[in-house]
N, C-alpha and C. Protein backbone atom coordinates (compact mmCIF):
# COMPACT_ATOMS: atom_id res chain seq x y z
N MET A 1 114.30 68.11 143.44
CA MET A 1 112.84 68.00 143.07
C MET A 1 112.78 68.09 141.65
N MET A 2 111.68 67.64 141.12
CA MET A 2 111.48 67.60 139.82
C MET A 2 111.05 68.81 139.48
N GLU A 3 111.56 69.32 137.93
CA GLU A 3 111.04 70.38 137.41
C GLU A 3 109.71 70.15 136.60
N ARG A 4 108.97 71.05 136.64
CA ARG A 4 107.61 70.89 136.07
C ARG A 4 106.96 72.14 135.92
N ASN A 5 105.98 72.06 134.73
CA ASN A 5 105.11 73.22 134.69
C ASN A 5 104.10 73.27 135.77
N ASN A 6 103.82 74.51 136.52
CA ASN A 6 102.94 74.21 137.59
C ASN A 6 101.47 74.75 137.16
N ILE A 7 101.38 74.72 135.83
CA ILE A 7 99.87 74.70 135.32
C ILE A 7 99.25 73.79 134.76
N ILE A 8 98.00 73.51 135.21
CA ILE A 8 97.06 72.33 134.79
C ILE A 8 95.99 73.04 134.23
N THR A 9 94.85 72.11 133.90
CA THR A 9 93.67 72.53 133.21
C THR A 9 92.70 71.99 134.12
N PHE A 10 91.50 72.60 134.28
CA PHE A 10 90.31 72.10 134.92
C PHE A 10 89.22 72.65 133.89
N LYS A 11 88.61 71.39 133.20
CA LYS A 11 87.59 71.96 132.06
C LYS A 11 88.00 72.82 131.07
N GLY A 12 89.43 72.63 130.85
CA GLY A 12 90.13 73.48 129.66
C GLY A 12 90.64 74.99 130.38
N ASN A 13 89.97 75.15 131.63
CA ASN A 13 90.74 76.54 132.20
C ASN A 13 91.96 76.43 132.74
N PRO A 14 93.19 77.25 132.48
CA PRO A 14 94.39 77.07 133.18
C PRO A 14 94.19 77.42 134.61
N MET A 15 94.95 76.37 135.26
CA MET A 15 94.94 76.48 136.85
C MET A 15 96.17 76.28 137.37
N THR A 16 96.61 76.96 138.59
CA THR A 16 98.18 77.04 139.23
C THR A 16 98.07 75.99 140.23
N LEU A 17 99.19 75.09 139.93
CA LEU A 17 99.64 74.38 141.06
C LEU A 17 100.60 74.99 142.25
N GLN A 18 100.28 74.56 143.42
CA GLN A 18 101.00 75.13 144.60
C GLN A 18 101.78 74.02 145.35
N GLY A 19 103.07 74.29 146.15
CA GLY A 19 103.78 73.28 146.79
C GLY A 19 104.72 72.85 146.14
N ASN A 20 105.38 71.80 146.78
CA ASN A 20 106.87 71.33 146.21
C ASN A 20 106.49 69.96 145.48
N PRO A 21 106.64 70.18 144.31
CA PRO A 21 106.65 68.90 143.40
C PRO A 21 107.45 67.83 143.81
N VAL A 22 107.13 66.50 143.72
CA VAL A 22 108.01 65.36 144.22
C VAL A 22 108.23 64.50 143.00
N ALA A 23 109.05 63.72 142.79
CA ALA A 23 109.54 62.64 141.62
C ALA A 23 109.86 61.58 142.01
N VAL A 24 109.71 60.61 141.09
CA VAL A 24 110.14 59.22 141.44
C VAL A 24 111.40 58.96 141.86
N GLY A 25 111.69 58.45 143.13
CA GLY A 25 112.83 58.30 143.53
C GLY A 25 113.33 59.12 144.86
N ASP A 26 112.35 60.05 144.98
CA ASP A 26 112.72 60.81 146.23
C ASP A 26 111.78 60.19 147.59
N LYS A 27 112.41 60.64 148.57
CA LYS A 27 111.98 60.07 149.90
C LYS A 27 110.60 60.86 150.14
N ALA A 28 109.53 59.90 150.14
CA ALA A 28 108.01 60.78 150.22
C ALA A 28 108.28 61.90 151.53
N PRO A 29 107.64 62.99 151.33
CA PRO A 29 107.61 63.92 152.34
C PRO A 29 106.31 63.74 153.26
N ASP A 30 106.74 63.98 154.75
CA ASP A 30 105.59 63.42 155.59
C ASP A 30 104.37 64.56 155.50
N PHE A 31 103.35 64.09 156.02
CA PHE A 31 102.12 65.03 155.96
C PHE A 31 101.23 64.73 157.28
N VAL A 32 100.39 65.70 157.40
CA VAL A 32 99.33 65.30 158.55
C VAL A 32 97.92 65.45 158.04
N LEU A 33 97.05 64.41 158.02
CA LEU A 33 95.58 64.29 157.39
C LEU A 33 95.09 64.21 158.52
N ARG A 34 93.49 64.26 158.42
CA ARG A 34 92.61 64.10 159.20
C ARG A 34 91.75 62.95 158.76
N ALA A 35 91.59 61.71 159.64
CA ALA A 35 90.76 60.62 159.37
C ALA A 35 89.35 60.94 159.46
N ASN A 36 88.51 60.06 159.03
CA ASN A 36 86.98 60.33 159.23
C ASN A 36 86.63 60.43 160.90
N ASP A 37 87.33 60.01 161.76
CA ASP A 37 87.02 60.42 163.07
C ASP A 37 87.87 61.45 163.57
N LEU A 38 88.37 62.22 163.02
CA LEU A 38 89.02 63.66 163.00
C LEU A 38 90.48 63.36 163.69
N SER A 39 91.05 62.20 164.06
CA SER A 39 92.14 61.86 164.49
C SER A 39 93.08 62.00 163.40
N LEU A 40 94.36 62.28 163.81
CA LEU A 40 95.67 62.58 162.73
C LEU A 40 96.21 61.38 162.29
N ARG A 41 96.37 61.53 160.99
CA ARG A 41 97.35 60.48 160.35
C ARG A 41 98.84 61.25 159.66
N SER A 42 99.86 60.38 159.82
CA SER A 42 100.97 60.94 159.24
C SER A 42 101.52 59.51 158.41
N LEU A 43 102.55 60.03 157.62
CA LEU A 43 103.43 58.85 156.89
C LEU A 43 103.83 57.92 157.87
N ALA A 44 104.20 58.26 159.09
CA ALA A 44 104.58 57.27 160.19
C ALA A 44 103.65 56.04 160.58
N ASP A 45 102.24 56.42 160.38
CA ASP A 45 101.06 55.55 160.62
C ASP A 45 101.04 54.48 159.64
N TYR A 46 101.87 54.34 158.46
CA TYR A 46 101.99 53.26 157.57
C TYR A 46 103.22 53.14 157.36
N LYS A 47 104.19 52.84 158.20
CA LYS A 47 105.53 52.59 158.34
C LYS A 47 105.64 51.15 157.75
N GLY A 48 106.54 50.82 156.96
CA GLY A 48 106.62 49.49 156.50
C GLY A 48 105.65 48.84 155.43
N LYS A 49 104.63 49.76 155.02
CA LYS A 49 103.54 49.34 154.11
C LYS A 49 103.90 49.99 152.59
N SER A 50 103.30 49.57 151.62
CA SER A 50 103.55 50.32 150.36
C SER A 50 102.20 50.93 150.34
N LEU A 51 102.14 52.17 149.57
CA LEU A 51 100.84 53.02 149.72
C LEU A 51 100.67 53.39 148.46
N ILE A 52 99.36 53.19 147.87
CA ILE A 52 98.83 54.03 146.89
C ILE A 52 97.93 55.21 147.35
N LEU A 53 98.82 56.66 146.98
CA LEU A 53 97.99 57.89 147.51
C LEU A 53 97.13 58.43 146.21
N SER A 54 95.92 57.90 146.29
CA SER A 54 94.88 58.43 145.64
C SER A 54 94.35 59.96 145.77
N VAL A 55 94.73 60.70 144.75
CA VAL A 55 94.42 62.38 145.30
C VAL A 55 93.20 62.57 144.23
N VAL A 56 92.36 63.35 145.06
CA VAL A 56 91.24 63.64 144.31
C VAL A 56 90.70 64.83 144.71
N PRO A 57 90.01 65.80 143.68
CA PRO A 57 89.59 67.14 144.25
C PRO A 57 88.34 66.88 145.25
N SER A 58 87.42 65.92 144.95
CA SER A 58 86.02 65.77 145.93
C SER A 58 85.35 64.36 145.52
N LEU A 59 85.37 63.85 146.47
CA LEU A 59 84.42 62.60 146.47
C LEU A 59 83.29 62.61 145.96
N ASP A 60 82.42 63.84 146.04
CA ASP A 60 81.13 64.02 145.39
C ASP A 60 81.14 64.50 143.99
N THR A 61 82.01 64.22 143.09
CA THR A 61 82.07 64.51 141.84
C THR A 61 82.29 62.91 141.11
N GLY A 62 81.66 62.98 140.01
CA GLY A 62 81.70 61.55 139.19
C GLY A 62 82.89 60.88 139.25
N LEU A 63 83.91 61.70 138.31
CA LEU A 63 85.23 61.17 138.24
C LEU A 63 86.05 60.66 139.73
N CYS A 64 85.73 61.47 140.57
CA CYS A 64 86.50 61.36 141.76
C CYS A 64 85.82 60.00 142.32
N ASP A 65 84.47 59.84 142.14
CA ASP A 65 83.74 58.89 142.77
C ASP A 65 84.46 57.59 142.10
N LEU A 66 84.49 57.55 140.72
CA LEU A 66 84.99 56.48 139.82
C LEU A 66 86.46 55.94 140.17
N GLN A 67 87.07 57.03 140.42
CA GLN A 67 88.51 56.57 140.92
C GLN A 67 88.64 56.01 142.07
N THR A 68 87.78 56.51 143.12
CA THR A 68 88.04 55.91 144.61
C THR A 68 87.24 54.48 144.44
N ARG A 69 86.14 54.34 143.88
CA ARG A 69 85.44 52.74 143.71
C ARG A 69 86.45 52.13 143.09
N ARG A 70 87.36 52.49 141.97
CA ARG A 70 87.96 51.51 141.43
C ARG A 70 89.09 50.83 142.15
N PHE A 71 89.84 51.88 142.91
CA PHE A 71 91.07 51.68 143.80
C PHE A 71 90.40 50.79 144.87
N ASN A 72 89.11 51.10 145.38
CA ASN A 72 88.61 50.07 146.47
C ASN A 72 88.21 48.70 146.04
N SER A 73 87.88 48.46 144.78
CA SER A 73 87.70 47.24 143.96
C SER A 73 89.14 46.55 143.78
N GLU A 74 89.89 47.04 143.45
CA GLU A 74 91.37 46.63 143.20
C GLU A 74 91.93 46.38 144.46
N ALA A 75 91.57 46.82 145.67
CA ALA A 75 92.32 46.60 146.72
C ALA A 75 92.77 45.06 147.25
N ALA A 76 91.80 44.32 147.32
CA ALA A 76 91.89 43.10 147.73
C ALA A 76 93.02 42.31 146.92
N ALA A 77 93.03 42.53 145.56
CA ALA A 77 94.00 41.86 144.66
C ALA A 77 95.55 42.47 145.02
N LEU A 78 95.65 43.60 146.02
CA LEU A 78 97.13 44.27 146.03
C LEU A 78 97.60 43.50 147.30
N GLY A 79 96.94 42.65 148.11
CA GLY A 79 97.41 42.18 149.20
C GLY A 79 97.49 43.04 150.79
N GLU A 80 97.81 42.50 151.78
CA GLU A 80 98.05 42.98 152.86
C GLU A 80 99.28 43.87 152.87
N GLY A 81 100.20 44.05 152.12
CA GLY A 81 101.44 44.89 152.06
C GLY A 81 101.22 46.28 151.46
N VAL A 82 100.03 46.32 150.80
CA VAL A 82 99.65 47.84 150.25
C VAL A 82 98.71 48.57 150.98
N ARG A 83 98.47 49.61 151.21
CA ARG A 83 97.45 50.26 151.63
C ARG A 83 97.20 51.33 150.73
N ILE A 84 95.67 51.58 150.69
CA ILE A 84 95.18 52.67 149.66
C ILE A 84 94.58 53.74 150.35
N LEU A 85 95.19 55.06 150.06
CA LEU A 85 94.81 56.13 150.92
C LEU A 85 94.19 57.01 149.88
N THR A 86 92.90 57.30 149.71
CA THR A 86 92.24 58.52 149.20
C THR A 86 92.43 59.71 149.93
N ILE A 87 92.75 60.83 149.24
CA ILE A 87 92.94 62.03 149.97
C ILE A 87 92.56 63.16 149.05
N SER A 88 91.62 64.13 149.86
CA SER A 88 90.92 65.08 149.35
C SER A 88 90.92 66.33 150.17
N CYS A 89 90.30 67.23 149.98
CA CYS A 89 90.01 68.42 150.66
C CYS A 89 88.42 68.27 151.25
N ASP A 90 87.89 67.29 151.13
CA ASP A 90 86.27 67.03 151.88
C ASP A 90 86.44 66.99 152.94
N LEU A 91 85.53 67.48 153.65
CA LEU A 91 85.49 67.48 155.18
C LEU A 91 85.49 65.79 155.69
N PRO A 92 86.21 65.57 156.73
CA PRO A 92 86.12 63.90 157.17
C PRO A 92 84.63 63.48 157.22
N PHE A 93 83.92 64.39 157.52
CA PHE A 93 82.42 63.90 157.67
C PHE A 93 81.65 63.41 156.37
N ALA A 94 82.04 64.44 155.24
CA ALA A 94 81.54 63.93 154.01
C ALA A 94 82.22 62.79 153.55
N GLN A 95 83.54 62.65 153.76
CA GLN A 95 84.13 61.32 153.27
C GLN A 95 83.55 60.04 154.11
N ALA A 96 83.28 59.92 155.28
CA ALA A 96 82.71 59.06 155.92
C ALA A 96 81.16 58.46 155.37
N ARG A 97 80.51 59.69 155.11
CA ARG A 97 79.34 59.69 154.34
C ARG A 97 79.46 58.82 152.92
N TRP A 98 80.35 59.32 152.52
CA TRP A 98 80.84 59.01 150.92
C TRP A 98 80.99 57.56 151.05
N CYS A 99 81.94 57.02 152.01
CA CYS A 99 82.32 55.42 152.21
C CYS A 99 81.23 54.74 152.46
N GLY A 100 80.22 55.12 153.45
CA GLY A 100 79.20 54.56 153.82
C GLY A 100 78.41 54.21 152.34
N ALA A 101 77.91 55.27 151.84
CA ALA A 101 76.86 55.16 150.75
C ALA A 101 77.51 54.26 149.45
N ALA A 102 79.11 54.37 149.41
CA ALA A 102 79.51 53.77 148.26
C ALA A 102 80.04 52.27 148.53
N GLY A 103 80.19 51.84 150.01
CA GLY A 103 80.57 50.54 150.30
C GLY A 103 82.04 50.33 150.18
N ALA A 104 82.85 51.56 150.30
CA ALA A 104 84.29 51.56 150.20
C ALA A 104 84.76 51.22 151.65
N ASP A 105 85.30 50.04 151.62
CA ASP A 105 85.60 49.43 152.90
C ASP A 105 86.89 48.77 152.99
N ARG A 106 87.65 49.06 151.65
CA ARG A 106 89.09 48.56 151.68
C ARG A 106 90.13 49.52 151.33
N LEU A 107 89.69 50.72 151.71
CA LEU A 107 90.75 51.84 151.49
C LEU A 107 90.44 52.93 152.54
N GLU A 108 91.35 53.80 152.70
CA GLU A 108 91.06 54.77 153.88
C GLU A 108 90.78 56.11 153.23
N THR A 109 90.08 57.12 153.72
CA THR A 109 89.97 58.25 153.12
C THR A 109 90.42 59.24 154.21
N LEU A 110 91.08 60.17 153.72
CA LEU A 110 91.92 61.14 154.68
C LEU A 110 91.86 62.71 154.03
N SER A 111 91.43 63.46 154.85
CA SER A 111 91.23 64.85 154.61
C SER A 111 92.32 66.15 154.59
N ASP A 112 92.75 66.78 153.72
CA ASP A 112 93.32 67.62 153.78
C ASP A 112 92.99 69.15 154.04
N TYR A 113 91.72 69.22 154.52
CA TYR A 113 91.20 70.47 154.54
C TYR A 113 91.74 71.34 155.48
N TYR A 114 92.30 70.94 156.70
CA TYR A 114 92.75 71.94 157.65
C TYR A 114 93.70 72.97 157.22
N ASP A 115 94.92 72.29 156.67
CA ASP A 115 95.92 73.06 156.13
C ASP A 115 96.87 72.78 155.15
N LEU A 116 96.28 72.13 154.38
CA LEU A 116 96.75 71.41 153.03
C LEU A 116 98.03 70.79 153.11
N SER A 117 98.38 70.28 154.24
CA SER A 117 99.79 69.81 154.71
C SER A 117 100.33 68.80 153.79
N PHE A 118 99.30 67.71 153.28
CA PHE A 118 99.77 66.86 152.02
C PHE A 118 99.80 67.46 150.72
N GLY A 119 98.92 68.26 150.35
CA GLY A 119 98.96 69.12 148.95
C GLY A 119 100.06 69.85 148.73
N LEU A 120 100.61 70.75 149.87
CA LEU A 120 101.57 71.62 149.48
C LEU A 120 102.96 70.65 149.64
N ALA A 121 103.13 69.51 150.50
CA ALA A 121 104.22 68.88 150.36
C ALA A 121 104.52 68.00 149.11
N TYR A 122 103.46 67.94 148.47
CA TYR A 122 103.58 66.89 147.24
C TYR A 122 103.09 67.81 145.78
N GLY A 123 102.92 69.19 146.08
CA GLY A 123 102.73 70.17 145.11
C GLY A 123 101.41 69.84 144.03
N VAL A 124 100.35 69.46 144.86
CA VAL A 124 99.04 69.31 144.48
C VAL A 124 97.85 70.11 144.36
N VAL A 125 98.26 71.40 145.14
CA VAL A 125 97.03 72.36 145.61
C VAL A 125 96.62 73.19 144.46
N ILE A 126 95.56 73.07 143.87
CA ILE A 126 95.18 74.19 143.11
C ILE A 126 95.02 75.67 143.63
N LYS A 127 95.86 76.20 143.42
CA LYS A 127 95.74 77.67 143.97
C LYS A 127 94.17 78.50 143.70
N GLU A 128 93.77 78.24 142.55
CA GLU A 128 92.45 78.87 142.24
C GLU A 128 91.24 78.62 143.08
N LEU A 129 91.55 77.31 143.36
CA LEU A 129 90.23 76.36 143.80
C LEU A 129 90.20 76.03 145.20
N ARG A 130 91.40 76.09 145.95
CA ARG A 130 91.99 75.67 147.22
C ARG A 130 91.49 74.20 147.45
N LEU A 131 91.70 73.24 146.36
CA LEU A 131 91.14 71.91 146.24
C LEU A 131 92.56 71.19 145.67
N LEU A 132 92.59 69.87 145.86
CA LEU A 132 93.78 69.00 145.40
C LEU A 132 93.32 68.81 144.10
N THR A 133 94.42 68.53 143.01
CA THR A 133 94.49 68.17 141.50
C THR A 133 94.43 66.68 141.86
N ARG A 134 93.87 65.95 140.80
CA ARG A 134 93.66 64.40 140.44
C ARG A 134 95.36 64.23 140.39
N ALA A 135 95.71 63.23 141.34
CA ALA A 135 96.98 62.55 141.02
C ALA A 135 97.07 61.28 141.61
N ILE A 136 98.05 60.60 141.46
CA ILE A 136 98.30 59.27 142.01
C ILE A 136 100.07 59.01 142.46
N PHE A 137 100.14 58.74 143.63
CA PHE A 137 101.55 58.62 143.91
C PHE A 137 101.80 57.23 144.61
N VAL A 138 102.81 56.31 144.18
CA VAL A 138 102.98 55.08 144.96
C VAL A 138 104.33 54.97 145.60
N LEU A 139 104.24 54.65 146.95
CA LEU A 139 105.43 54.76 147.69
C LEU A 139 105.63 53.18 148.18
N ASP A 140 106.86 52.90 148.25
CA ASP A 140 107.42 51.58 148.50
C ASP A 140 107.37 51.63 150.00
N LYS A 141 107.77 50.45 150.58
CA LYS A 141 107.60 49.95 151.98
C LYS A 141 108.82 50.71 152.76
N ASN A 142 109.66 51.42 151.99
CA ASN A 142 110.69 52.25 152.67
C ASN A 142 110.48 53.77 152.59
N GLY A 143 109.23 53.97 152.02
CA GLY A 143 108.70 55.46 151.91
C GLY A 143 109.36 56.32 150.84
N ARG A 144 109.83 55.56 149.69
CA ARG A 144 110.36 56.23 148.26
C ARG A 144 109.26 55.98 147.36
N LEU A 145 109.20 57.25 146.67
CA LEU A 145 108.07 57.31 145.48
C LEU A 145 108.63 56.46 144.25
N THR A 146 107.85 55.37 143.93
CA THR A 146 108.11 54.51 142.94
C THR A 146 107.19 54.94 141.47
N TYR A 147 106.09 55.67 141.83
CA TYR A 147 105.30 56.12 140.84
C TYR A 147 104.55 57.69 141.21
N ALA A 148 104.68 58.40 140.14
CA ALA A 148 103.99 59.69 140.46
C ALA A 148 103.17 60.43 139.05
N GLU A 149 101.99 60.67 139.20
CA GLU A 149 101.30 61.02 137.98
C GLU A 149 100.46 61.88 138.59
N ILE A 150 100.77 63.43 138.01
CA ILE A 150 99.81 64.53 137.98
C ILE A 150 98.91 64.63 136.71
N VAL A 151 97.62 64.54 136.55
CA VAL A 151 97.05 64.56 135.52
C VAL A 151 97.11 65.87 135.12
N PRO A 152 97.13 66.22 133.73
CA PRO A 152 97.45 67.63 133.21
C PRO A 152 95.95 68.38 133.32
N GLU A 153 94.99 67.18 132.94
CA GLU A 153 93.80 68.03 132.99
C GLU A 153 92.87 67.36 133.87
N VAL A 154 92.28 68.25 135.08
CA VAL A 154 91.70 67.54 136.15
C VAL A 154 90.33 66.58 136.04
N ALA A 155 89.79 66.91 134.77
CA ALA A 155 88.73 66.16 134.50
C ALA A 155 88.96 64.75 133.54
N SER A 156 90.20 64.29 133.62
CA SER A 156 90.42 63.07 132.81
C SER A 156 91.08 62.13 134.04
N GLU A 157 90.97 60.93 133.59
CA GLU A 157 91.23 59.78 134.67
C GLU A 157 92.71 59.61 134.74
N VAL A 158 92.99 59.01 135.62
CA VAL A 158 94.64 58.85 136.05
C VAL A 158 94.76 57.44 135.23
N ASN A 159 96.11 57.10 135.23
CA ASN A 159 96.31 55.95 134.41
C ASN A 159 96.56 54.92 135.65
N PHE A 160 95.35 53.89 136.11
CA PHE A 160 94.96 52.90 136.92
C PHE A 160 96.03 51.82 136.62
N GLU A 161 96.25 51.37 135.49
CA GLU A 161 96.98 50.40 135.33
C GLU A 161 98.37 50.46 135.58
N ALA A 162 98.84 51.45 135.28
CA ALA A 162 100.44 52.10 135.63
C ALA A 162 100.58 52.05 137.06
N ALA A 163 99.81 52.66 137.82
CA ALA A 163 99.72 52.73 139.25
C ALA A 163 99.57 51.48 139.89
N LEU A 164 98.86 50.35 139.60
CA LEU A 164 98.61 49.08 140.23
C LEU A 164 99.60 48.38 139.86
N VAL A 165 100.43 48.41 138.81
CA VAL A 165 101.70 47.45 138.47
C VAL A 165 102.79 48.40 139.50
N ALA A 166 102.82 49.69 139.39
CA ALA A 166 103.89 49.93 140.32
C ALA A 166 103.71 49.76 141.89
N ALA A 167 102.54 49.65 142.19
CA ALA A 167 102.09 49.40 143.75
C ALA A 167 102.35 47.69 143.70
N LYS A 168 102.05 46.97 142.90
CA LYS A 168 102.64 45.66 143.12
C LYS A 168 104.15 45.34 143.04
N ALA A 169 104.67 45.96 142.43
CA ALA A 169 106.15 45.94 142.41
C ALA A 169 106.77 46.70 143.59
N SER A 170 106.12 47.41 144.17
CA SER A 170 106.58 48.10 145.14
C SER A 170 106.93 47.34 146.70
N VAL A 171 105.97 46.14 146.83
CA VAL A 171 105.84 45.54 147.97
C VAL A 171 107.23 44.78 148.49
């Protein structure tokens, strides 16, 4: 596992990340998340697909909204071999409402509210807030991480271009 400082900032305030950090080259850890209809999703549901895991604290904030809309708009250019999953601790009902209001129909929103299965497996749980930090992970079709970015300041954007390049190369 990758060695890293487990301190990030949120609007300048230090916050602690919990969980097991992952690094490029690692086999992606499994997870169990809730879909908008409350059904369960795990890594096995996306077998043979490359994945962009776009992690946000809450879809109801401006930067998370922007990040998710941007990946939704980029989805068509990535082709059928790449799936985009936006993961947050928002309740599935709130995620479904957001998708409807935003017209986000090219990605899937999944919730980690229940037991932080994803957040702990990828090392992205903000201890003080019980939310996920802003991050991007790209997995190739064999389930290996080809790109990993945890944004040091939660209120800053991810590197969209680097993630998209990694996703295109992972197919």
